Amino acid sequence: MNVPDPSTIAPIEDPTETIKAGASWGIRFLSPEETKKALPEYPGFGVRLS
């Protein structure tokens, strides 16, 4: 899988619709706490820096 160029991705202010669309396909977004537990070898993954 290739990561898209960030300049081609529009930021999403409200991810509600994206989350709903993903959920309809069985995709679940992890909270920062769940990510920390699931991916301990990647500290800081999923953490917002803003």
C-alpha atoms as a PDB file:
ATOM      1  CA  MET A   1       0.000   0.000   0.000  1.00  0.00           C
ATOM      2  CA  ASN A   2       1.316   3.420  -0.902  1.00  0.00           C
ATOM      3  CA  VAL A   3       0.669   6.405   1.316  1.00  0.00           C
ATOM      4  CA  PRO A   4      -0.933   9.255  -0.648  1.00  0.00           C
ATOM      5  CA  ASP A   5       0.866  12.550  -1.037  1.00  0.00           C
ATOM      6  CA  PRO A   6      -0.397  14.807   1.799  1.00  0.00           C
ATOM      7  CA  SER A   7      -0.939  17.677  -0.638  1.00  0.00           C
ATOM      8  CA  THR A   8      -3.681  15.630  -2.355  1.00  0.00           C
ATOM      9  CA  ILE A   9      -5.625  14.902   0.832  1.00  0.00           C
ATOM     10  CA  ALA A  10      -8.125  17.463   2.088  1.00  0.00           C
ATOM     11  CA  PRO A  11      -8.231  17.813   5.871  1.00  0.00           C
ATOM     12  CA  ILE A  12     -11.495  16.742   7.481  1.00  0.00           C
ATOM     13  CA  GLU A  13     -12.814  19.041  10.183  1.00  0.00           C
ATOM     14  CA  ASP A  14     -15.623  16.705  11.251  1.00  0.00           C
ATOM     15  CA  PRO A  15     -14.798  13.018  10.665  1.00  0.00           C
ATOM     16  CA  THR A  16     -18.309  11.814  11.619  1.00  0.00           C
ATOM     17  CA  GLU A  17     -19.356  10.851   8.072  1.00  0.00           C
ATOM     18  CA  THR A  18     -15.993   9.208   7.399  1.00  0.00           C
ATOM     19  CA  ILE A  19     -16.301   7.157  10.577  1.00  0.00           C
ATOM     20  CA  LYS A  20     -19.869   6.120   9.633  1.00  0.00           C
ATOM     21  CA  ALA A  21     -18.773   5.095   6.135  1.00  0.00           C
ATOM     22  CA  GLY A  22     -15.874   3.081   7.526  1.00  0.00           C
ATOM     23  CA  ALA A  23     -18.105   1.423  10.124  1.00  0.00           C
ATOM     24  CA  SER A  24     -20.494   0.319   7.375  1.00  0.00           C
ATOM     25  CA  TRP A  25     -17.573  -1.681   5.942  1.00  0.00           C
ATOM     26  CA  GLY A  26     -16.445  -3.042   9.319  1.00  0.00           C
ATOM     27  CA  ILE A  27     -13.644  -0.526   9.843  1.00  0.00           C
ATOM     28  CA  ARG A  28     -13.203   0.690  13.396  1.00  0.00           C
ATOM     29  CA  PHE A  29     -11.095   3.675  14.415  1.00  0.00           C
ATOM     30  CA  LEU A  30      -9.105   3.220  17.609  1.00  0.00           C
ATOM     31  CA  SER A  31      -8.951   5.795  20.368  1.00  0.00           C
ATOM     32  CA  PRO A  32      -5.472   6.965  21.413  1.00  0.00           C
ATOM     33  CA  GLU A  33      -5.738   4.648  24.440  1.00  0.00           C
ATOM     34  CA  GLU A  34      -6.726   1.647  22.292  1.00  0.00           C
ATOM     35  CA  THR A  35      -3.918   2.431  19.847  1.00  0.00           C
ATOM     36  CA  LYS A  36      -1.373   2.568  22.663  1.00  0.00           C
ATOM     37  CA  LYS A  37      -2.533  -0.839  23.885  1.00  0.00           C
ATOM     38  CA  ALA A  38      -2.739  -2.417  20.406  1.00  0.00           C
ATOM     39  CA  LEU A  39       0.530  -0.962  19.046  1.00  0.00           C
ATOM     40  CA  PRO A  40       2.909  -0.601  22.012  1.00  0.00           C
ATOM     41  CA  GLU A  41       5.954  -0.758  19.723  1.00  0.00           C
ATOM     42  CA  TYR A  42       4.831   2.468  18.015  1.00  0.00           C
ATOM     43  CA  PRO A  43       4.746   5.070  20.797  1.00  0.00           C
ATOM     44  CA  GLY A  44       2.980   8.245  19.774  1.00  0.00           C
ATOM     45  CA  PHE A  45       1.171   6.633  16.829  1.00  0.00           C
ATOM     46  CA  GLY A  46      -2.223   8.261  16.472  1.00  0.00           C
ATOM     47  CA  VAL A  47      -1.434  11.115  18.845  1.00  0.00           C
ATOM     48  CA  ARG A  48      -2.575  14.539  17.708  1.00  0.00           C
ATOM     49  CA  LEU A  49       0.186  17.100  17.797  1.00  0.00           C
ATOM     50  CA  SER A  50      -2.035  20.164  17.419  1.00  0.00           C
END
